[in-house]
Amino acid sequence: MRRRKIKGSDEKLLCYTDYVITAAQDHKGKWREIFGNKNPIHLEIGIGRGSFVKRFAEKKPEINYLGIETKEEVMLYGVQESAEAKLSNIKFIWQNAMELTDFFETGEIERIYLNFSDPWPKKRHAKRRLTHPDFLEKYAKVLPNNGEIHFKTDHEELFEFSLNVFSESGWTLKNISLDLYRNLPEDNIPTDYESKFVEQGLKIYRFEAIVPGGDGF
């Protein structure tokens, strides 16, 4: 289904100067100054409408949250809701995650969330998957030794591909779930897609990965 373009969404986004960042490279190494504290920073890549990262920011004010998205017409929802809630621990980066290492110094991000990323099922598109080895190299460069990636998907093939890539790249895997809602963690926060998929009876796959060389604790 084609995504509906919201007229003037780019102009509207730029009005939220306290929340929207368009030149993240200018803040490399200075993100704690942006938030005005030394709290840990967690990052979601590909936030869609931003419900997941916004709910986390509400639930855990002791954590700073960043969300990266290129599609302004969907990101606008999360920005508007965060502004209405007057959240001070969340920012939105309107740029491409391919440039991740230009945005952050090593260890500046403590956790990365990859939720229901595009599976890019055709083999010729494998490099576009957010769990391709090229992306894992970028993640390892911005995470500390005990940094983690939390991954969720409804796509079984992407799940298997991702498990294999993380394992082969030296990441430590834990909390692997082949059906998350069979034994749902109390602290689970669903994305909009996740709620829809669960209503349709689809399985949700999940795992956590610790950066190579880290202990995860």
N, C-alpha and C. Protein backbone atom coordinates (compact mmCIF):
# COMPACT_ATOMS: atom_id res chain seq x y z
N MET A 1 0.84 -1.19 0.00
CA MET A 1 0.00 0.00 0.00
C MET A 1 0.88 1.25 0.00
N ARG A 2 0.56 2.18 -0.87
CA ARG A 2 1.36 3.39 -0.97
C ARG A 2 1.15 4.29 0.23
N ARG A 3 2.22 4.82 0.77
CA ARG A 3 2.15 5.71 1.93
C ARG A 3 1.57 7.05 1.51
N ARG A 4 0.63 7.56 2.29
CA ARG A 4 0.00 8.84 1.96
C ARG A 4 0.91 9.99 2.37
N LYS A 5 1.20 10.86 1.44
CA LYS A 5 2.04 12.02 1.70
C LYS A 5 1.23 13.09 2.41
N ILE A 6 1.75 13.59 3.50
CA ILE A 6 1.08 14.67 4.22
C ILE A 6 1.56 15.99 3.66
N LYS A 7 0.66 16.77 3.12
CA LYS A 7 1.03 18.04 2.50
C LYS A 7 1.70 18.96 3.51
N GLY A 8 2.87 19.45 3.15
CA GLY A 8 3.58 20.39 4.01
C GLY A 8 4.24 19.76 5.22
N SER A 9 4.39 18.41 5.22
CA SER A 9 4.95 17.74 6.40
C SER A 9 6.39 18.16 6.67
N ASP A 10 7.17 18.40 5.60
CA ASP A 10 8.55 18.81 5.82
C ASP A 10 8.63 20.18 6.48
N GLU A 11 7.79 21.11 6.02
CA GLU A 11 7.78 22.44 6.65
C GLU A 11 7.32 22.35 8.10
N LYS A 12 6.33 21.49 8.35
CA LYS A 12 5.83 21.34 9.72
C LYS A 12 6.92 20.79 10.64
N LEU A 13 7.67 19.80 10.15
CA LEU A 13 8.74 19.22 10.94
C LEU A 13 9.75 20.28 11.37
N LEU A 14 10.11 21.11 10.42
CA LEU A 14 11.14 22.12 10.69
C LEU A 14 10.70 23.17 11.70
N CYS A 15 9.40 23.21 11.97
CA CYS A 15 8.90 24.15 12.98
C CYS A 15 9.22 23.67 14.40
N TYR A 16 9.47 22.37 14.55
CA TYR A 16 9.74 21.80 15.87
C TYR A 16 11.24 21.81 16.13
N THR A 17 11.78 22.99 16.28
CA THR A 17 13.23 23.14 16.41
C THR A 17 13.79 22.52 17.69
N ASP A 18 12.96 22.35 18.72
CA ASP A 18 13.42 21.73 19.97
C ASP A 18 13.50 20.22 19.87
N TYR A 19 12.93 19.67 18.81
CA TYR A 19 12.86 18.22 18.69
C TYR A 19 13.52 17.65 17.44
N VAL A 20 13.50 18.38 16.35
CA VAL A 20 13.97 17.85 15.07
C VAL A 20 15.38 18.33 14.75
N ILE A 21 16.25 17.38 14.43
CA ILE A 21 17.64 17.67 14.09
C ILE A 21 17.90 17.24 12.66
N THR A 22 18.43 18.16 11.87
CA THR A 22 18.68 17.87 10.45
C THR A 22 20.16 17.83 10.11
N ALA A 23 21.01 18.13 11.06
CA ALA A 23 22.46 18.09 10.83
C ALA A 23 23.12 17.42 12.03
N ALA A 24 22.84 16.12 12.21
CA ALA A 24 23.34 15.40 13.37
C ALA A 24 24.86 15.38 13.44
N GLN A 25 25.51 15.48 12.29
CA GLN A 25 26.97 15.46 12.27
C GLN A 25 27.57 16.65 13.04
N ASP A 26 26.80 17.71 13.18
CA ASP A 26 27.28 18.88 13.92
C ASP A 26 27.32 18.62 15.43
N HIS A 27 26.65 17.56 15.86
CA HIS A 27 26.55 17.26 17.30
C HIS A 27 27.37 16.05 17.71
N LYS A 28 28.17 15.52 16.80
CA LYS A 28 28.98 14.35 17.11
C LYS A 28 29.85 14.61 18.33
N GLY A 29 29.73 13.73 19.33
CA GLY A 29 30.50 13.88 20.56
C GLY A 29 29.90 14.87 21.55
N LYS A 30 28.77 15.47 21.20
CA LYS A 30 28.18 16.52 22.03
C LYS A 30 26.71 16.25 22.38
N TRP A 31 26.28 15.01 22.24
CA TRP A 31 24.86 14.74 22.44
C TRP A 31 24.39 14.95 23.86
N ARG A 32 25.26 14.73 24.83
CA ARG A 32 24.84 14.97 26.21
C ARG A 32 24.65 16.47 26.47
N GLU A 33 25.34 17.28 25.72
CA GLU A 33 25.13 18.72 25.81
C GLU A 33 23.75 19.09 25.22
N ILE A 34 23.37 18.39 24.16
CA ILE A 34 22.06 18.64 23.55
C ILE A 34 20.94 18.35 24.55
N PHE A 35 21.10 17.25 25.30
CA PHE A 35 20.08 16.89 26.28
C PHE A 35 20.26 17.62 27.61
N GLY A 36 21.43 18.16 27.84
CA GLY A 36 21.67 18.90 29.08
C GLY A 36 21.88 18.03 30.29
N ASN A 37 22.29 16.77 30.08
CA ASN A 37 22.56 15.87 31.21
C ASN A 37 23.51 14.77 30.74
N LYS A 38 23.89 13.89 31.66
CA LYS A 38 24.81 12.80 31.35
C LYS A 38 24.12 11.44 31.33
N ASN A 39 22.81 11.46 31.15
CA ASN A 39 22.06 10.21 31.13
C ASN A 39 22.42 9.37 29.90
N PRO A 40 22.24 8.05 30.00
CA PRO A 40 22.50 7.18 28.84
C PRO A 40 21.61 7.58 27.65
N ILE A 41 22.10 7.31 26.44
CA ILE A 41 21.36 7.63 25.24
C ILE A 41 21.03 6.34 24.49
N HIS A 42 19.75 6.14 24.19
CA HIS A 42 19.29 5.00 23.41
C HIS A 42 18.77 5.51 22.06
N LEU A 43 19.00 4.73 21.02
CA LEU A 43 18.68 5.14 19.66
C LEU A 43 17.80 4.11 18.96
N GLU A 44 16.72 4.58 18.34
CA GLU A 44 15.92 3.71 17.47
C GLU A 44 16.15 4.13 16.03
N ILE A 45 16.46 3.17 15.18
CA ILE A 45 16.71 3.44 13.77
C ILE A 45 15.49 3.00 12.95
N GLY A 46 14.91 3.95 12.24
CA GLY A 46 13.71 3.67 11.47
C GLY A 46 12.49 3.68 12.38
N ILE A 47 12.10 4.86 12.86
CA ILE A 47 11.08 4.96 13.90
C ILE A 47 9.65 4.94 13.38
N GLY A 48 9.46 5.10 12.07
CA GLY A 48 8.10 5.18 11.57
C GLY A 48 7.37 6.35 12.21
N ARG A 49 6.21 6.08 12.78
CA ARG A 49 5.41 7.13 13.41
C ARG A 49 5.93 7.52 14.80
N GLY A 50 6.96 6.82 15.27
CA GLY A 50 7.63 7.23 16.50
C GLY A 50 6.95 6.85 17.80
N SER A 51 5.94 5.98 17.74
CA SER A 51 5.21 5.63 18.96
C SER A 51 6.07 4.88 19.96
N PHE A 52 6.92 3.97 19.46
CA PHE A 52 7.77 3.17 20.34
C PHE A 52 8.73 4.05 21.13
N VAL A 53 9.51 4.86 20.45
CA VAL A 53 10.52 5.67 21.14
C VAL A 53 9.86 6.73 22.02
N LYS A 54 8.71 7.23 21.62
CA LYS A 54 8.00 8.22 22.43
C LYS A 54 7.48 7.59 23.72
N ARG A 55 6.95 6.37 23.64
CA ARG A 55 6.45 5.69 24.83
C ARG A 55 7.58 5.37 25.79
N PHE A 56 8.74 4.99 25.25
CA PHE A 56 9.89 4.72 26.10
C PHE A 56 10.34 6.00 26.80
N ALA A 57 10.34 7.10 26.09
CA ALA A 57 10.76 8.37 26.69
C ALA A 57 9.83 8.77 27.83
N GLU A 58 8.56 8.47 27.69
CA GLU A 58 7.60 8.75 28.76
C GLU A 58 7.83 7.85 29.96
N LYS A 59 8.11 6.57 29.67
CA LYS A 59 8.23 5.58 30.74
C LYS A 59 9.54 5.70 31.49
N LYS A 60 10.62 6.11 30.79
CA LYS A 60 11.94 6.14 31.40
C LYS A 60 12.60 7.51 31.22
N PRO A 61 12.22 8.47 32.03
CA PRO A 61 12.78 9.83 31.92
C PRO A 61 14.27 9.89 32.24
N GLU A 62 14.80 8.82 32.85
CA GLU A 62 16.23 8.78 33.18
C GLU A 62 17.10 8.38 31.99
N ILE A 63 16.46 8.09 30.86
CA ILE A 63 17.17 7.74 29.63
C ILE A 63 16.87 8.81 28.57
N ASN A 64 17.87 9.18 27.79
CA ASN A 64 17.66 10.07 26.65
C ASN A 64 17.43 9.22 25.40
N TYR A 65 16.49 9.63 24.57
CA TYR A 65 16.14 8.85 23.39
C TYR A 65 16.31 9.66 22.11
N LEU A 66 16.84 8.97 21.10
CA LEU A 66 16.96 9.53 19.76
C LEU A 66 16.27 8.59 18.78
N GLY A 67 15.62 9.17 17.80
CA GLY A 67 15.01 8.37 16.75
C GLY A 67 15.45 8.88 15.39
N ILE A 68 15.86 7.97 14.51
CA ILE A 68 16.28 8.35 13.16
C ILE A 68 15.23 7.88 12.16
N GLU A 69 14.87 8.78 11.25
CA GLU A 69 13.89 8.45 10.22
C GLU A 69 14.10 9.38 9.03
N THR A 70 13.88 8.87 7.82
CA THR A 70 14.00 9.71 6.63
C THR A 70 12.65 10.17 6.11
N LYS A 71 11.58 9.47 6.48
CA LYS A 71 10.25 9.77 5.94
C LYS A 71 9.54 10.79 6.83
N GLU A 72 9.57 12.02 6.41
CA GLU A 72 9.02 13.10 7.25
C GLU A 72 7.54 12.97 7.51
N GLU A 73 6.78 12.41 6.54
CA GLU A 73 5.34 12.34 6.69
C GLU A 73 4.90 11.38 7.79
N VAL A 74 5.75 10.38 8.13
CA VAL A 74 5.41 9.49 9.24
C VAL A 74 6.06 9.95 10.54
N MET A 75 7.27 10.46 10.46
CA MET A 75 7.97 10.92 11.66
C MET A 75 7.24 12.08 12.33
N LEU A 76 6.52 12.84 11.53
CA LEU A 76 5.81 14.01 12.05
C LEU A 76 4.89 13.65 13.21
N TYR A 77 4.27 12.46 13.15
CA TYR A 77 3.36 12.06 14.22
C TYR A 77 4.08 11.98 15.57
N GLY A 78 5.22 11.32 15.59
CA GLY A 78 5.97 11.17 16.84
C GLY A 78 6.48 12.49 17.36
N VAL A 79 6.90 13.36 16.46
CA VAL A 79 7.40 14.68 16.85
C VAL A 79 6.27 15.49 17.48
N GLN A 80 5.13 15.50 16.84
CA GLN A 80 4.01 16.27 17.37
C GLN A 80 3.55 15.75 18.73
N GLU A 81 3.47 14.42 18.86
CA GLU A 81 3.03 13.84 20.13
C GLU A 81 4.03 14.10 21.24
N SER A 82 5.33 14.05 20.92
CA SER A 82 6.35 14.32 21.93
C SER A 82 6.31 15.78 22.37
N ALA A 83 6.07 16.66 21.42
CA ALA A 83 5.97 18.09 21.75
C ALA A 83 4.74 18.36 22.61
N GLU A 84 3.62 17.72 22.27
CA GLU A 84 2.40 17.89 23.05
C GLU A 84 2.58 17.39 24.48
N ALA A 85 3.36 16.30 24.62
CA ALA A 85 3.62 15.74 25.95
C ALA A 85 4.74 16.49 26.68
N LYS A 86 5.37 17.44 25.99
CA LYS A 86 6.45 18.26 26.55
C LYS A 86 7.60 17.40 27.07
N LEU A 87 7.95 16.37 26.30
CA LEU A 87 9.05 15.48 26.68
C LEU A 87 10.38 16.18 26.45
N SER A 88 11.25 16.11 27.43
CA SER A 88 12.57 16.77 27.30
C SER A 88 13.70 15.78 27.04
N ASN A 89 13.38 14.49 27.01
CA ASN A 89 14.42 13.46 26.86
C ASN A 89 14.31 12.72 25.53
N ILE A 90 13.85 13.43 24.49
CA ILE A 90 13.73 12.81 23.19
C ILE A 90 14.02 13.81 22.08
N LYS A 91 14.74 13.35 21.05
CA LYS A 91 15.04 14.15 19.87
C LYS A 91 14.87 13.25 18.65
N PHE A 92 14.61 13.86 17.51
CA PHE A 92 14.39 13.13 16.27
C PHE A 92 15.38 13.60 15.21
N ILE A 93 16.08 12.64 14.62
CA ILE A 93 17.06 12.95 13.57
C ILE A 93 16.44 12.66 12.22
N TRP A 94 16.31 13.69 11.41
CA TRP A 94 15.70 13.56 10.09
C TRP A 94 16.81 13.39 9.07
N GLN A 95 17.42 12.21 9.06
CA GLN A 95 18.54 11.91 8.18
C GLN A 95 18.62 10.40 7.95
N ASN A 96 19.59 9.99 7.14
CA ASN A 96 19.75 8.59 6.78
C ASN A 96 20.73 7.90 7.73
N ALA A 97 20.35 6.73 8.23
CA ALA A 97 21.20 5.99 9.17
C ALA A 97 22.48 5.47 8.54
N MET A 98 22.58 5.53 7.21
CA MET A 98 23.82 5.13 6.55
C MET A 98 24.99 5.98 7.02
N GLU A 99 24.69 7.18 7.51
CA GLU A 99 25.72 8.11 7.95
C GLU A 99 25.95 8.06 9.45
N LEU A 100 25.55 6.97 10.07
CA LEU A 100 25.55 6.85 11.53
C LEU A 100 26.89 7.22 12.18
N THR A 101 27.98 6.75 11.62
CA THR A 101 29.28 7.00 12.24
C THR A 101 29.71 8.46 12.12
N ASP A 102 29.03 9.21 11.27
CA ASP A 102 29.29 10.65 11.20
C ASP A 102 28.53 11.41 12.28
N PHE A 103 27.56 10.73 12.90
CA PHE A 103 26.70 11.38 13.89
C PHE A 103 27.19 11.21 15.33
N PHE A 104 27.87 10.07 15.61
CA PHE A 104 28.19 9.72 16.99
C PHE A 104 29.63 9.28 17.16
N GLU A 105 30.19 9.61 18.32
CA GLU A 105 31.50 9.10 18.71
C GLU A 105 31.34 7.69 19.27
N THR A 106 32.43 6.95 19.36
CA THR A 106 32.39 5.62 19.94
C THR A 106 31.89 5.69 21.39
N GLY A 107 30.92 4.86 21.71
CA GLY A 107 30.40 4.80 23.07
C GLY A 107 29.35 5.84 23.40
N GLU A 108 29.01 6.69 22.44
CA GLU A 108 28.04 7.76 22.73
C GLU A 108 26.61 7.23 22.83
N ILE A 109 26.35 6.11 22.16
CA ILE A 109 25.04 5.46 22.20
C ILE A 109 25.17 4.15 22.96
N GLU A 110 24.32 3.92 23.95
CA GLU A 110 24.44 2.70 24.76
C GLU A 110 23.56 1.56 24.26
N ARG A 111 22.49 1.90 23.55
CA ARG A 111 21.62 0.84 23.05
C ARG A 111 20.98 1.30 21.75
N ILE A 112 20.81 0.34 20.82
CA ILE A 112 20.16 0.60 19.55
C ILE A 112 18.95 -0.33 19.41
N TYR A 113 17.83 0.23 18.97
CA TYR A 113 16.63 -0.56 18.70
C TYR A 113 16.41 -0.64 17.19
N LEU A 114 16.18 -1.86 16.71
CA LEU A 114 15.80 -2.10 15.32
C LEU A 114 14.46 -2.81 15.34
N ASN A 115 13.41 -2.08 15.06
CA ASN A 115 12.06 -2.62 15.16
C ASN A 115 11.39 -2.72 13.80
N PHE A 116 11.09 -3.95 13.38
CA PHE A 116 10.31 -4.19 12.17
C PHE A 116 10.87 -3.45 10.96
N SER A 117 12.17 -3.59 10.81
CA SER A 117 12.86 -2.97 9.67
C SER A 117 12.41 -3.62 8.37
N ASP A 118 12.53 -2.90 7.29
CA ASP A 118 12.21 -3.43 5.96
C ASP A 118 13.05 -4.69 5.73
N PRO A 119 12.43 -5.84 5.43
CA PRO A 119 13.20 -7.09 5.27
C PRO A 119 14.00 -7.17 3.98
N TRP A 120 13.68 -6.35 3.00
CA TRP A 120 14.37 -6.42 1.71
C TRP A 120 14.60 -7.89 1.32
N PRO A 121 13.55 -8.63 1.03
CA PRO A 121 13.64 -10.08 0.86
C PRO A 121 14.49 -10.57 -0.33
N LYS A 122 14.62 -9.75 -1.37
CA LYS A 122 15.41 -10.20 -2.52
C LYS A 122 16.90 -10.16 -2.20
N LYS A 123 17.61 -11.21 -2.61
CA LYS A 123 19.04 -11.33 -2.29
C LYS A 123 19.85 -10.14 -2.79
N ARG A 124 19.48 -9.60 -3.94
CA ARG A 124 20.24 -8.49 -4.49
C ARG A 124 20.10 -7.21 -3.66
N HIS A 125 19.13 -7.21 -2.75
CA HIS A 125 18.91 -6.05 -1.88
C HIS A 125 19.43 -6.28 -0.46
N ALA A 126 20.15 -7.36 -0.24
CA ALA A 126 20.58 -7.75 1.11
C ALA A 126 21.36 -6.64 1.82
N LYS A 127 22.15 -5.87 1.07
CA LYS A 127 22.96 -4.83 1.70
C LYS A 127 22.12 -3.70 2.29
N ARG A 128 20.85 -3.64 1.91
CA ARG A 128 19.98 -2.61 2.45
C ARG A 128 19.38 -2.98 3.81
N ARG A 129 19.49 -4.25 4.16
CA ARG A 129 18.94 -4.70 5.44
C ARG A 129 19.73 -4.07 6.58
N LEU A 130 19.03 -3.61 7.59
CA LEU A 130 19.69 -2.93 8.71
C LEU A 130 20.51 -3.86 9.59
N THR A 131 20.47 -5.17 9.28
CA THR A 131 21.31 -6.12 10.00
C THR A 131 22.37 -6.73 9.08
N HIS A 132 22.60 -6.11 7.96
CA HIS A 132 23.69 -6.54 7.08
C HIS A 132 25.03 -6.25 7.76
N PRO A 133 26.08 -7.03 7.51
CA PRO A 133 27.38 -6.80 8.16
C PRO A 133 27.90 -5.36 8.05
N ASP A 134 27.59 -4.69 6.94
CA ASP A 134 28.04 -3.30 6.80
C ASP A 134 27.44 -2.41 7.87
N PHE A 135 26.17 -2.64 8.20
CA PHE A 135 25.53 -1.87 9.26
C PHE A 135 26.06 -2.27 10.63
N LEU A 136 26.30 -3.57 10.83
CA LEU A 136 26.82 -4.02 12.11
C LEU A 136 28.15 -3.36 12.44
N GLU A 137 28.96 -3.14 11.43
CA GLU A 137 30.24 -2.44 11.64
C GLU A 137 30.00 -1.02 12.13
N LYS A 138 29.01 -0.36 11.59
CA LYS A 138 28.69 1.00 12.01
C LYS A 138 28.19 1.01 13.45
N TYR A 139 27.31 0.05 13.79
CA TYR A 139 26.78 -0.01 15.15
C TYR A 139 27.90 -0.22 16.17
N ALA A 140 28.82 -1.12 15.84
CA ALA A 140 29.92 -1.42 16.76
C ALA A 140 30.80 -0.20 17.00
N LYS A 141 30.83 0.71 16.04
CA LYS A 141 31.68 1.89 16.17
C LYS A 141 31.06 2.97 17.05
N VAL A 142 29.75 2.94 17.24
CA VAL A 142 29.11 3.98 18.06
C VAL A 142 28.67 3.46 19.43
N LEU A 143 28.69 2.14 19.63
CA LEU A 143 28.32 1.54 20.91
C LEU A 143 29.55 1.35 21.80
N PRO A 144 29.36 1.34 23.12
CA PRO A 144 30.47 1.02 24.02
C PRO A 144 30.68 -0.49 24.08
N ASN A 145 31.64 -0.95 24.87
CA ASN A 145 31.95 -2.38 24.95
C ASN A 145 30.78 -3.22 25.45
N ASN A 146 29.91 -2.63 26.26
CA ASN A 146 28.77 -3.38 26.76
C ASN A 146 27.47 -2.97 26.07
N GLY A 147 27.61 -2.30 24.91
CA GLY A 147 26.43 -1.83 24.20
C GLY A 147 25.61 -2.96 23.61
N GLU A 148 24.33 -2.70 23.41
CA GLU A 148 23.41 -3.73 22.94
C GLU A 148 22.56 -3.24 21.78
N ILE A 149 22.12 -4.21 21.00
CA ILE A 149 21.10 -3.98 19.98
C ILE A 149 19.90 -4.86 20.31
N HIS A 150 18.71 -4.26 20.33
CA HIS A 150 17.48 -5.00 20.55
C HIS A 150 16.72 -5.04 19.23
N PHE A 151 16.42 -6.23 18.77
CA PHE A 151 15.85 -6.44 17.44
C PHE A 151 14.50 -7.13 17.51
N LYS A 152 13.53 -6.61 16.74
CA LYS A 152 12.21 -7.24 16.62
C LYS A 152 11.80 -7.28 15.16
N THR A 153 11.09 -8.35 14.79
CA THR A 153 10.56 -8.45 13.43
C THR A 153 9.42 -9.46 13.41
N ASP A 154 8.58 -9.34 12.41
CA ASP A 154 7.56 -10.36 12.15
C ASP A 154 7.98 -11.25 10.99
N HIS A 155 9.15 -10.94 10.39
CA HIS A 155 9.60 -11.60 9.17
C HIS A 155 10.60 -12.70 9.51
N GLU A 156 10.18 -13.94 9.38
CA GLU A 156 11.01 -15.07 9.81
C GLU A 156 12.34 -15.14 9.07
N GLU A 157 12.32 -14.88 7.76
CA GLU A 157 13.56 -14.97 6.99
C GLU A 157 14.55 -13.89 7.43
N LEU A 158 14.06 -12.69 7.69
CA LEU A 158 14.94 -11.62 8.17
C LEU A 158 15.49 -11.97 9.54
N PHE A 159 14.67 -12.57 10.37
CA PHE A 159 15.10 -12.99 11.71
C PHE A 159 16.25 -13.99 11.60
N GLU A 160 16.10 -15.00 10.76
CA GLU A 160 17.14 -16.01 10.60
C GLU A 160 18.41 -15.41 10.01
N PHE A 161 18.23 -14.56 9.01
CA PHE A 161 19.38 -13.88 8.41
C PHE A 161 20.13 -13.07 9.46
N SER A 162 19.38 -12.34 10.27
CA SER A 162 19.99 -11.47 11.27
C SER A 162 20.70 -12.25 12.36
N LEU A 163 20.10 -13.32 12.83
CA LEU A 163 20.75 -14.18 13.82
C LEU A 163 22.10 -14.67 13.30
N ASN A 164 22.10 -15.12 12.08
CA ASN A 164 23.34 -15.65 11.49
C ASN A 164 24.39 -14.57 11.34
N VAL A 165 23.99 -13.40 10.87
CA VAL A 165 24.95 -12.32 10.65
C VAL A 165 25.56 -11.85 11.97
N PHE A 166 24.73 -11.65 12.98
CA PHE A 166 25.24 -11.21 14.28
C PHE A 166 26.21 -12.25 14.85
N SER A 167 25.81 -13.52 14.78
CA SER A 167 26.65 -14.59 15.31
C SER A 167 27.98 -14.67 14.57
N GLU A 168 27.93 -14.64 13.25
CA GLU A 168 29.14 -14.74 12.44
C GLU A 168 30.04 -13.53 12.62
N SER A 169 29.46 -12.39 13.03
CA SER A 169 30.23 -11.16 13.22
C SER A 169 30.78 -11.02 14.64
N GLY A 170 30.56 -12.03 15.48
CA GLY A 170 31.14 -12.04 16.81
C GLY A 170 30.31 -11.42 17.90
N TRP A 171 29.07 -11.06 17.60
CA TRP A 171 28.18 -10.52 18.63
C TRP A 171 27.65 -11.65 19.50
N THR A 172 27.42 -11.37 20.77
CA THR A 172 26.83 -12.35 21.68
C THR A 172 25.32 -12.18 21.68
N LEU A 173 24.59 -13.25 21.44
CA LEU A 173 23.14 -13.20 21.37
C LEU A 173 22.52 -13.67 22.69
N LYS A 174 21.43 -13.04 23.08
CA LYS A 174 20.72 -13.45 24.29
C LYS A 174 19.23 -13.11 24.15
N ASN A 175 18.44 -13.68 25.06
CA ASN A 175 16.99 -13.42 25.08
C ASN A 175 16.36 -13.60 23.70
N ILE A 176 16.70 -14.71 23.06
CA ILE A 176 16.16 -15.01 21.74
C ILE A 176 14.74 -15.56 21.89
N SER A 177 13.81 -14.98 21.15
CA SER A 177 12.42 -15.44 21.22
C SER A 177 11.88 -15.72 19.82
N LEU A 178 11.33 -16.90 19.64
CA LEU A 178 10.70 -17.27 18.37
C LEU A 178 9.22 -16.94 18.36
N ASP A 179 8.70 -16.52 19.50
CA ASP A 179 7.30 -16.14 19.61
C ASP A 179 7.17 -15.27 20.87
N LEU A 180 7.45 -14.01 20.72
CA LEU A 180 7.56 -13.11 21.87
C LEU A 180 6.31 -13.11 22.74
N TYR A 181 5.15 -13.19 22.14
CA TYR A 181 3.91 -13.06 22.90
C TYR A 181 3.48 -14.34 23.59
N ARG A 182 4.24 -15.40 23.41
CA ARG A 182 3.97 -16.63 24.16
C ARG A 182 4.41 -16.46 25.61
N ASN A 183 5.46 -15.67 25.82
CA ASN A 183 5.95 -15.40 27.17
C ASN A 183 6.40 -13.94 27.20
N LEU A 184 5.45 -13.05 27.14
CA LEU A 184 5.70 -11.63 26.94
C LEU A 184 6.37 -10.99 28.16
N PRO A 185 7.52 -10.32 27.97
CA PRO A 185 8.16 -9.61 29.09
C PRO A 185 7.27 -8.47 29.59
N GLU A 186 7.31 -8.22 30.88
CA GLU A 186 6.47 -7.17 31.46
C GLU A 186 6.84 -5.79 30.93
N ASP A 187 8.09 -5.59 30.56
CA ASP A 187 8.52 -4.26 30.13
C ASP A 187 8.43 -4.07 28.62
N ASN A 188 7.76 -4.99 27.92
CA ASN A 188 7.67 -4.86 26.47
C ASN A 188 6.83 -3.65 26.07
N ILE A 189 7.34 -2.85 25.16
CA ILE A 189 6.61 -1.74 24.59
C ILE A 189 6.43 -2.02 23.11
N PRO A 190 5.18 -2.16 22.66
CA PRO A 190 4.95 -2.52 21.25
C PRO A 190 5.02 -1.30 20.33
N THR A 191 5.41 -1.54 19.11
CA THR A 191 5.32 -0.52 18.08
C THR A 191 3.92 -0.59 17.48
N ASP A 192 3.58 0.38 16.63
CA ASP A 192 2.28 0.34 15.96
C ASP A 192 2.16 -0.90 15.08
N TYR A 193 3.23 -1.20 14.34
CA TYR A 193 3.23 -2.39 13.49
C TYR A 193 3.06 -3.65 14.33
N GLU A 194 3.76 -3.69 15.44
CA GLU A 194 3.72 -4.87 16.30
C GLU A 194 2.30 -5.17 16.75
N SER A 195 1.60 -4.15 17.20
CA SER A 195 0.22 -4.34 17.67
C SER A 195 -0.67 -4.87 16.56
N LYS A 196 -0.49 -4.36 15.34
CA LYS A 196 -1.28 -4.83 14.21
C LYS A 196 -0.96 -6.28 13.87
N PHE A 197 0.34 -6.61 13.89
CA PHE A 197 0.74 -7.98 13.55
C PHE A 197 0.21 -8.97 14.58
N VAL A 198 0.25 -8.60 15.84
CA VAL A 198 -0.25 -9.49 16.90
C VAL A 198 -1.75 -9.71 16.74
N GLU A 199 -2.48 -8.67 16.40
CA GLU A 199 -3.92 -8.79 16.17
C GLU A 199 -4.22 -9.74 15.01
N GLN A 200 -3.30 -9.79 14.04
CA GLN A 200 -3.45 -10.68 12.89
C GLN A 200 -2.99 -12.11 13.18
N GLY A 201 -2.48 -12.33 14.40
CA GLY A 201 -2.04 -13.66 14.78
C GLY A 201 -0.64 -14.02 14.33
N LEU A 202 0.13 -13.03 13.92
CA LEU A 202 1.49 -13.28 13.46
C LEU A 202 2.45 -13.38 14.64
N LYS A 203 3.49 -14.17 14.45
CA LYS A 203 4.51 -14.29 15.49
C LYS A 203 5.46 -13.09 15.44
N ILE A 204 5.94 -12.71 16.62
CA ILE A 204 6.94 -11.66 16.72
C ILE A 204 8.24 -12.30 17.17
N TYR A 205 9.29 -12.09 16.40
CA TYR A 205 10.61 -12.64 16.70
C TYR A 205 11.47 -11.54 17.32
N ARG A 206 12.30 -11.93 18.28
CA ARG A 206 13.10 -10.92 18.98
C ARG A 206 14.41 -11.52 19.48
N PHE A 207 15.44 -10.69 19.53
CA PHE A 207 16.67 -11.06 20.22
C PHE A 207 17.43 -9.81 20.63
N GLU A 208 18.38 -10.01 21.51
CA GLU A 208 19.29 -8.93 21.91
C GLU A 208 20.70 -9.37 21.56
N ALA A 209 21.52 -8.41 21.15
CA ALA A 209 22.89 -8.71 20.75
C ALA A 209 23.85 -7.77 21.46
N ILE A 210 24.93 -8.31 22.00
CA ILE A 210 25.96 -7.54 22.70
C ILE A 210 27.13 -7.32 21.77
N VAL A 211 27.59 -6.10 21.72
CA VAL A 211 28.68 -5.73 20.81
C VAL A 211 29.90 -6.62 21.04
N PRO A 212 30.63 -7.02 19.99
CA PRO A 212 31.80 -7.88 20.16
C PRO A 212 32.79 -7.30 21.17
N GLY A 213 33.22 -8.15 22.09
CA GLY A 213 34.15 -7.71 23.12
C GLY A 213 33.49 -7.25 24.39
N GLY A 214 32.13 -7.12 24.35
CA GLY A 214 31.42 -6.67 25.55
C GLY A 214 30.91 -7.84 26.35
N ASP A 215 30.48 -7.55 27.58
CA ASP A 215 29.93 -8.61 28.44
C ASP A 215 28.44 -8.47 28.65
N GLY A 216 27.89 -7.32 28.24
CA GLY A 216 26.45 -7.14 28.35
C GLY A 216 25.97 -6.78 29.73
N PHE A 217 26.87 -6.55 30.66
CA PHE A 217 26.45 -6.24 32.03
C PHE A 217 27.10 -4.95 32.50
